[in-house]
């Protein structure tokens, strides 16, 4: 029904927060949750009095607001206190396409999935892609988590490793990463070999300390139940009954990636994480993470999970920074390709040569020729 002016008249929807769900869990502190709800349901006024919730606005927006609010009540029912960030992520989950079985994933399916708890903190997926990643770890032997910084690739993998160890599904955890950083070499750093390597492995130590009692981590490291080592130490080994994580895998060569994958023993799981946009290998060297996706995609019991800027779980600005850099990189890659294409065309070569000489950051490995003075092409 529409008014004579052609506008759809507003409707009012009422429902109640169940007595079993604390209202403070739903509303959080201050007005942040209600403000976030009104941002996600533009044009809808939301009022809460006791357990009663009233939404008033245009019909479609009000019905969407009701679905979102009820979905958030289900999240709060598990004991979580809602925040503006949870509201934003819940709205994204509700807007995602239906699954292959025709059903839609609900925010509670994602946000109430606990992995490990320690000192009052619970590690759980926060986005739909993170849930798919965690589920893939449960369902496959070898899992690749590929995405930008801050998407929880390594943190969730370490959480699943700790869960597997605590449930006695594996006897040990092996955490490794290549000792490669931009502009530095191990030999230029002071100290013993272990002191040189430790800074590269510090993020893995930090994740462990978040998920285990502080006193237990040194003991588990000392008795070998948890091993944190550079990738070079994996050569020649077979890792049975272990949960193995390779972090920063974009900085492996294809040969190193093959070496690592063939360490897989019986009753073991492997998770390989990395960001193909942050390769620190010498220019012209292909990333093992990029190559392996071409080689193993589609192989049974191997899963590739890809995360993006919408999965960033650090400060809100990090997601926007990642998205902005992705957009900028696209324009730079095109400009670099066009310059290289003109360079080869001027030498009588084909434009395809420019593509063939791009490194794993998408940039040409050969600097385009300088244009002659006065050339405005």
Protein backbone atom coordinates (compact mmCIF):
# COMPACT_ATOMS: atom_id res chain seq x y z
CA UNK A 1 0.00 0.00 0.00
CA UNK A 2 1.30 3.47 -0.91
CA UNK A 3 0.20 6.95 0.02
CA UNK A 4 -1.15 9.44 -2.52
CA UNK A 5 2.31 11.00 -2.65
CA UNK A 6 3.66 7.64 -3.87
CA UNK A 7 5.66 6.94 -0.71
CA UNK A 8 5.27 3.71 1.23
CA UNK A 9 3.85 4.52 4.68
CA UNK A 10 6.02 3.50 7.64
CA UNK A 11 5.21 0.37 9.59
CA UNK A 12 5.83 -0.57 13.20
CA UNK A 13 7.26 -3.91 14.33
CA UNK A 14 7.33 -5.07 17.94
CA UNK A 15 9.00 -8.06 19.56
CA UNK A 16 10.53 -8.95 22.90
CA UNK A 17 13.99 -9.92 24.10
CA UNK A 18 13.63 -13.34 25.84
CA UNK A 19 13.84 -13.27 29.64
CA UNK A 20 16.77 -15.71 29.48
CA UNK A 21 18.92 -13.19 27.57
CA UNK A 22 20.29 -10.31 29.67
CA UNK A 23 19.29 -7.01 28.10
CA UNK A 24 22.76 -5.61 28.85
CA UNK A 25 24.28 -8.36 26.67
CA UNK A 26 22.10 -7.18 23.79
CA UNK A 27 22.49 -3.43 24.22
CA UNK A 28 26.11 -3.38 25.36
CA UNK A 29 27.39 -0.24 27.03
CA UNK A 30 26.12 3.23 26.15
CA UNK A 31 24.27 3.72 22.88
CA UNK A 32 26.92 2.25 20.57
CA UNK A 33 24.91 -0.90 19.70
CA UNK A 34 21.66 0.95 18.99
CA UNK A 35 23.53 3.58 16.97
CA UNK A 36 25.19 0.80 14.92
CA UNK A 37 21.82 -0.91 14.38
CA UNK A 38 20.28 2.31 13.08
CA UNK A 39 23.24 2.79 10.72
CA UNK A 40 22.73 -0.73 9.34
CA UNK A 41 18.96 -0.18 8.98
CA UNK A 42 18.95 3.31 7.55
CA UNK A 43 15.71 5.17 8.18
CA UNK A 44 14.48 2.86 10.95
CA UNK A 45 13.91 4.22 14.46
CA UNK A 46 14.67 1.66 17.18
CA UNK A 47 13.40 1.96 20.73
CA UNK A 48 13.98 -0.48 23.59
CA UNK A 49 11.93 -0.31 26.78
CA UNK A 50 12.68 -3.14 29.18
CA UNK A 51 12.41 -6.33 27.10
CA UNK A 52 10.23 -4.71 24.44
CA UNK A 53 11.77 -3.64 21.11
CA UNK A 54 9.94 -1.35 18.70
CA UNK A 55 11.08 -0.62 15.15
CA UNK A 56 9.40 1.98 12.98
CA UNK A 57 10.26 2.75 9.37
CA UNK A 58 9.75 1.87 5.73
CA UNK A 59 8.45 -1.72 5.46
CA UNK A 60 11.47 -3.43 3.86
CA UNK A 61 13.97 -1.62 6.09
CA UNK A 62 11.95 -2.33 9.24
CA UNK A 63 11.68 -6.04 8.41
CA UNK A 64 15.44 -6.16 7.76
CA UNK A 65 16.03 -4.43 11.08
CA UNK A 66 13.87 -7.00 12.84
CA UNK A 67 15.81 -9.89 11.27
CA UNK A 68 19.12 -8.28 12.24
CA UNK A 69 18.05 -7.51 15.81
CA UNK A 70 16.71 -11.05 16.36
CA UNK A 71 19.90 -12.52 14.90
CA UNK A 72 21.92 -10.43 17.37
CA UNK A 73 19.75 -11.67 20.25
CA UNK A 74 20.78 -15.21 19.25
CA UNK A 75 24.44 -14.13 19.41
CA UNK A 76 23.93 -12.54 22.84
CA UNK A 77 22.13 -15.66 24.08
CA UNK A 78 25.48 -17.49 24.06
CA UNK A 79 26.86 -15.01 26.60
CA UNK A 80 28.51 -12.52 24.27
CA UNK A 81 28.10 -8.83 24.99
CA UNK A 82 27.25 -7.10 21.72
CA UNK A 83 29.39 -4.29 20.29
CA UNK A 84 29.10 -2.01 17.29
CA UNK A 85 31.65 -4.21 15.49
CA UNK A 86 29.54 -7.35 16.07
CA UNK A 87 26.48 -5.51 14.68
CA UNK A 88 28.40 -4.55 11.54
CA UNK A 89 29.72 -8.08 11.00
CA UNK A 90 26.31 -9.64 11.67
CA UNK A 91 24.77 -7.42 8.99
CA UNK A 92 27.41 -8.63 6.50
CA UNK A 93 26.66 -12.30 7.33
CA UNK A 94 22.91 -11.75 6.89
CA UNK A 95 23.55 -10.16 3.50
CA UNK A 96 25.68 -13.04 2.22
CA UNK A 97 24.30 -15.35 -0.51
CA UNK A 98 22.58 -18.57 0.49
CA UNK A 99 24.66 -21.76 0.80
CA UNK A 100 24.54 -24.56 -1.76
CA UNK A 101 21.77 -26.24 0.27
CA UNK A 102 19.63 -23.11 -0.06
CA UNK A 103 19.98 -22.18 3.63
CA UNK A 104 21.46 -18.92 4.87
CA UNK A 105 24.20 -18.85 7.49
CA UNK A 106 23.09 -16.95 10.57
CA UNK A 107 25.38 -14.64 12.58
CA UNK A 108 25.11 -16.96 15.61
CA UNK A 109 26.41 -19.86 13.46
CA UNK A 110 29.58 -17.84 12.90
CA UNK A 111 30.10 -15.86 16.09
CA UNK A 112 29.08 -18.48 18.65
CA UNK A 113 31.51 -21.11 17.36
CA UNK A 114 34.09 -21.36 20.13
CA UNK A 115 37.54 -22.78 19.41
CA UNK A 116 39.57 -22.32 22.62
CA UNK A 117 39.12 -20.31 25.82
CA UNK A 118 41.81 -19.01 28.15
CA UNK A 119 41.74 -16.54 31.02
CA UNK A 120 38.18 -15.47 30.25
CA UNK A 121 38.80 -14.92 26.53
CA UNK A 122 37.33 -17.11 23.81
CA UNK A 123 38.77 -17.39 20.32
CA UNK A 124 36.07 -17.72 17.68
CA UNK A 125 35.55 -16.78 14.01
CA UNK A 126 34.10 -13.31 13.48
CA UNK A 127 33.28 -13.37 9.77
CA UNK A 128 31.70 -15.80 7.32
CA UNK A 129 34.99 -16.42 5.50
CA UNK A 130 36.72 -17.08 8.83
CA UNK A 131 34.07 -19.66 9.67
CA UNK A 132 34.60 -21.34 6.28
CA UNK A 133 38.34 -21.35 7.01
CA UNK A 134 37.87 -22.92 10.46
CA UNK A 135 35.45 -25.51 9.06
CA UNK A 136 37.92 -26.35 6.29
CA UNK A 137 40.60 -27.05 8.91
CA UNK A 138 38.21 -29.54 10.54
CA UNK A 139 37.38 -31.22 7.25
CA UNK A 140 40.70 -31.39 5.39
CA UNK A 141 44.28 -32.52 5.99
CA UNK A 142 46.05 -29.65 4.22
CA UNK A 143 44.56 -26.16 4.31
CA UNK A 144 45.79 -22.94 2.74
CA UNK A 145 44.63 -19.67 4.31
CA UNK A 146 45.39 -16.83 1.90
CA UNK A 147 44.52 -13.20 2.60
CA UNK A 148 45.75 -9.79 3.71
CA UNK A 149 47.14 -8.80 7.09
CA UNK A 150 44.74 -8.83 10.01
CA UNK A 151 42.29 -11.42 8.69
CA UNK A 152 43.07 -13.94 11.43
CA UNK A 153 44.78 -16.51 9.20
CA UNK A 154 47.56 -17.37 11.64
CA UNK A 155 45.69 -16.64 14.86
CA UNK A 156 42.80 -18.99 14.03
CA UNK A 157 45.22 -21.66 12.82
CA UNK A 158 47.12 -21.53 16.12
CA UNK A 159 43.78 -21.72 17.97
CA UNK A 160 42.84 -24.87 16.05
CA UNK A 161 46.28 -26.32 16.80
CA UNK A 162 45.84 -25.68 20.53
CA UNK A 163 42.35 -27.20 20.38
CA UNK A 164 43.73 -30.32 18.65
CA UNK A 165 46.47 -30.64 21.28
CA UNK A 166 44.10 -30.17 24.23
CA UNK A 167 41.68 -32.75 22.81
CA UNK A 168 44.62 -35.17 22.34
CA UNK A 169 43.96 -35.49 18.61
CA UNK A 170 47.66 -34.70 18.07
CA UNK A 171 50.71 -35.06 20.30
CA UNK A 172 52.52 -31.87 19.31
CA UNK A 173 52.32 -28.56 17.52
CA UNK A 174 54.95 -27.44 15.01
CA UNK A 175 55.00 -23.76 14.05
CA UNK A 176 57.35 -22.56 11.34
CA UNK A 177 57.94 -19.67 8.98
CA UNK A 178 60.69 -18.65 6.55
CA UNK A 179 63.25 -16.24 8.05
CA UNK A 180 62.82 -13.65 5.32
CA UNK A 181 62.16 -9.97 5.83
CA UNK A 182 62.36 -6.98 3.52
CA UNK A 183 65.81 -5.39 3.37
CA UNK A 184 67.42 -7.51 6.11
CA UNK A 185 69.59 -10.59 6.37
CA UNK A 186 69.98 -12.82 9.42
CA UNK A 187 73.73 -12.47 9.35
CA UNK A 188 73.48 -8.71 9.84
CA UNK A 189 71.56 -9.04 13.12
CA UNK A 190 73.46 -9.33 16.42
CA UNK A 191 73.43 -12.37 18.70
CA UNK A 192 73.41 -16.15 18.43
CA UNK A 193 71.44 -18.04 15.76
CA UNK A 194 68.44 -18.44 18.09
CA UNK A 195 68.53 -14.75 19.00
CA UNK A 196 68.61 -13.85 15.31
CA UNK A 197 65.69 -16.14 14.47
CA UNK A 198 63.46 -15.29 17.45
CA UNK A 199 62.12 -11.94 16.10
CA UNK A 200 60.81 -13.70 12.99
CA UNK A 201 58.91 -16.23 15.13
CA UNK A 202 57.64 -13.77 17.74
CA UNK A 203 54.08 -13.50 16.26
CA UNK A 204 53.65 -17.27 16.74
CA UNK A 205 54.84 -17.03 20.36
CA UNK A 206 52.39 -14.17 20.97
CA UNK A 207 49.46 -16.22 19.67
CA UNK A 208 50.40 -19.16 21.92
CA UNK A 209 50.56 -16.93 24.99
CA UNK A 210 47.06 -15.64 24.22
CA UNK A 211 45.61 -19.15 24.19
CA UNK A 212 47.55 -21.04 26.87
CA UNK A 213 48.39 -20.39 30.50
CA UNK A 214 51.62 -18.33 30.59
CA UNK A 215 53.37 -20.85 32.85
CA UNK A 216 52.59 -23.76 30.54
CA UNK A 217 54.08 -22.32 27.34
CA UNK A 218 57.78 -22.55 28.41
CA UNK A 219 57.23 -26.11 29.66
CA UNK A 220 55.56 -27.21 26.41
CA UNK A 221 58.37 -25.60 24.41
CA UNK A 222 61.03 -27.21 26.59
CA UNK A 223 59.65 -30.75 26.30
CA UNK A 224 59.05 -30.48 22.56
CA UNK A 225 55.25 -30.63 22.70
CA UNK A 226 55.30 -27.25 20.95
CA UNK A 227 58.11 -26.50 18.50
CA UNK A 228 58.67 -23.08 16.95
CA UNK A 229 61.40 -23.16 14.32
CA UNK A 230 62.44 -21.60 11.00
CA UNK A 231 61.44 -23.39 7.83
CA UNK A 232 65.01 -24.50 7.09
CA UNK A 233 64.83 -26.81 10.14
CA UNK A 234 62.02 -28.86 8.53
CA UNK A 235 64.17 -30.45 5.85
CA UNK A 236 64.62 -34.23 6.14
CA UNK A 237 61.87 -34.72 8.74
CA UNK A 238 58.57 -36.63 8.80
CA UNK A 239 55.99 -35.10 11.13
CA UNK A 240 53.53 -37.65 12.53
CA UNK A 241 50.70 -36.97 15.02
CA UNK A 242 51.26 -33.24 14.68
CA UNK A 243 49.44 -30.05 13.86
CA UNK A 244 51.83 -28.12 11.60
CA UNK A 245 51.51 -24.45 10.65
CA UNK A 246 53.60 -22.66 8.03
CA UNK A 247 53.19 -18.90 8.44
CA UNK A 248 54.24 -16.17 5.97
CA UNK A 249 54.24 -18.80 3.22
CA UNK A 250 54.34 -16.14 0.50
CA UNK A 251 58.06 -15.88 1.30
CA UNK A 252 58.80 -19.49 0.37
CA UNK A 253 60.20 -20.48 -2.98
CA UNK A 254 58.38 -23.23 -4.93
CA UNK A 255 61.14 -25.66 -3.87
CA UNK A 256 60.73 -24.76 -0.19
CA UNK A 257 56.96 -25.16 -0.40
CA UNK A 258 57.31 -28.62 -1.94
CA UNK A 259 59.84 -29.56 0.74
CA UNK A 260 57.49 -28.44 3.51
CA UNK A 261 54.39 -30.18 2.16
CA UNK A 262 56.24 -33.47 1.84
CA UNK A 263 57.03 -33.43 5.59
CA UNK A 264 53.40 -34.50 6.20
CA UNK A 265 53.18 -37.71 8.23
CA UNK A 266 50.38 -39.90 9.52
CA UNK A 267 47.58 -38.42 11.65
CA UNK A 268 48.81 -34.90 11.00
CA UNK A 269 47.25 -31.69 9.73
CA UNK A 270 48.93 -28.83 7.91
CA UNK A 271 47.80 -25.20 7.69
CA UNK A 272 49.71 -22.86 5.38
CA UNK A 273 49.03 -19.14 5.68
CA UNK A 274 50.23 -16.13 3.72
CA UNK A 275 49.50 -12.95 1.81
CA UNK A 276 50.52 -13.01 -1.84
CA UNK A 277 50.50 -9.20 -1.95
CA UNK A 278 53.39 -8.97 0.55
CA UNK A 279 56.15 -11.03 -1.03
CA UNK A 280 59.64 -10.19 0.31
CA UNK A 281 61.55 -12.53 -2.02
CA UNK A 282 64.14 -11.11 -4.43
CA UNK A 283 62.63 -9.55 -7.53
CA UNK A 284 61.93 -12.16 -10.19
CA UNK A 285 61.61 -15.06 -7.70
CA UNK A 286 58.20 -16.74 -7.80
CA UNK A 287 56.39 -17.22 -4.53
CA UNK A 288 55.83 -20.83 -3.53
CA UNK A 289 52.39 -19.87 -2.21
CA UNK A 290 51.32 -18.56 -5.60
CA UNK A 291 52.71 -21.58 -7.45
CA UNK A 292 51.14 -24.14 -5.11
CA UNK A 293 47.65 -22.75 -5.73
CA UNK A 294 48.17 -23.46 -9.42
CA UNK A 295 49.53 -26.96 -8.75
CA UNK A 296 47.23 -28.31 -6.02
CA UNK A 297 43.91 -26.48 -6.48
CA UNK A 298 41.20 -29.14 -6.76
CA UNK A 299 43.18 -31.98 -5.15
CA UNK A 300 41.04 -33.99 -2.73
CA UNK A 301 41.62 -33.32 1.01
CA UNK A 302 43.40 -30.04 0.25
CA UNK A 303 41.44 -26.80 0.76
CA UNK A 304 42.21 -23.24 -0.34
CA UNK A 305 40.46 -20.58 1.74
CA UNK A 306 40.69 -16.97 0.64
CA UNK A 307 40.00 -14.03 2.91
CA UNK A 308 39.80 -10.36 2.00
CA UNK A 309 39.61 -6.87 3.48
CA UNK A 310 36.09 -7.53 4.84
CA UNK A 311 37.59 -10.19 7.12
CA UNK A 312 40.11 -7.87 8.80
CA UNK A 313 39.55 -8.07 12.57
CA UNK A 314 41.99 -5.41 13.71
CA UNK A 315 41.09 -1.73 14.01
CA UNK A 316 38.36 -0.70 11.57
CA UNK A 317 40.88 1.45 9.69
CA UNK A 318 43.03 -1.60 8.86
CA UNK A 319 40.24 -2.98 6.66
CA UNK A 320 39.94 0.36 4.87
CA UNK A 321 43.73 0.60 4.48
CA UNK A 322 43.92 -2.89 2.93
CA UNK A 323 41.06 -2.10 0.54
CA UNK A 324 42.67 1.21 -0.44
CA UNK A 325 46.03 -0.46 -1.15
CA UNK A 326 44.32 -3.18 -3.21
CA UNK A 327 42.66 -0.49 -5.33
CA UNK A 328 45.94 1.44 -5.68
CA UNK A 329 47.89 -1.73 -6.57
CA UNK A 330 45.42 -2.46 -9.36
CA UNK A 331 46.04 0.92 -10.98
CA UNK A 332 49.83 0.63 -10.50
CA UNK A 333 49.92 -2.87 -12.00
CA UNK A 334 48.03 -1.66 -15.05
CA UNK A 335 50.30 1.36 -15.48
CA UNK A 336 53.42 -0.82 -15.13
CA UNK A 337 52.07 -3.33 -17.64
CA UNK A 338 51.22 -0.61 -20.16
CA UNK A 339 54.70 0.88 -19.84
CA UNK A 340 56.31 -2.53 -20.33
CA UNK A 341 54.02 -3.32 -23.27
CA UNK A 342 55.04 -0.12 -25.05
CA UNK A 343 58.69 -0.88 -24.30
CA UNK A 344 58.56 -4.32 -25.93
CA UNK A 345 56.38 -3.11 -28.79
CA UNK A 346 59.00 -0.46 -29.57
CA UNK A 347 61.66 -3.19 -29.75
CA UNK A 348 59.56 -5.27 -32.13
CA UNK A 349 58.45 -7.73 -29.43
CA UNK A 350 54.92 -8.77 -28.58
CA UNK A 351 52.84 -7.33 -25.76
CA UNK A 352 52.69 -10.82 -24.24
CA UNK A 353 56.37 -10.52 -23.27
CA UNK A 354 55.44 -7.90 -20.70
CA UNK A 355 53.15 -10.32 -18.92
CA UNK A 356 55.77 -13.05 -18.95
CA UNK A 357 58.29 -10.87 -17.08
CA UNK A 358 56.04 -9.86 -14.16
CA UNK A 359 57.10 -10.98 -10.67
CA UNK A 360 54.80 -12.25 -7.88
CA UNK A 361 53.82 -8.73 -6.94
CA UNK A 362 52.46 -8.28 -10.47
CA UNK A 363 55.23 -5.86 -11.44
CA UNK A 364 57.61 -6.14 -14.40
CA UNK A 365 61.02 -7.58 -13.60
CA UNK A 366 62.62 -5.34 -16.20
CA UNK A 367 62.38 -1.54 -16.07
CA UNK A 368 60.61 -0.13 -19.13
CA UNK A 369 62.80 1.85 -21.51
CA UNK A 370 62.78 5.60 -21.04
CA UNK A 371 60.76 7.44 -23.66
CA UNK A 372 62.70 9.63 -26.11
CA UNK A 373 62.46 13.35 -25.46
CA UNK A 374 59.30 14.74 -26.98
CA UNK A 375 57.55 11.36 -27.11
CA UNK A 376 54.06 11.92 -25.70
CA UNK A 377 52.73 8.46 -26.43
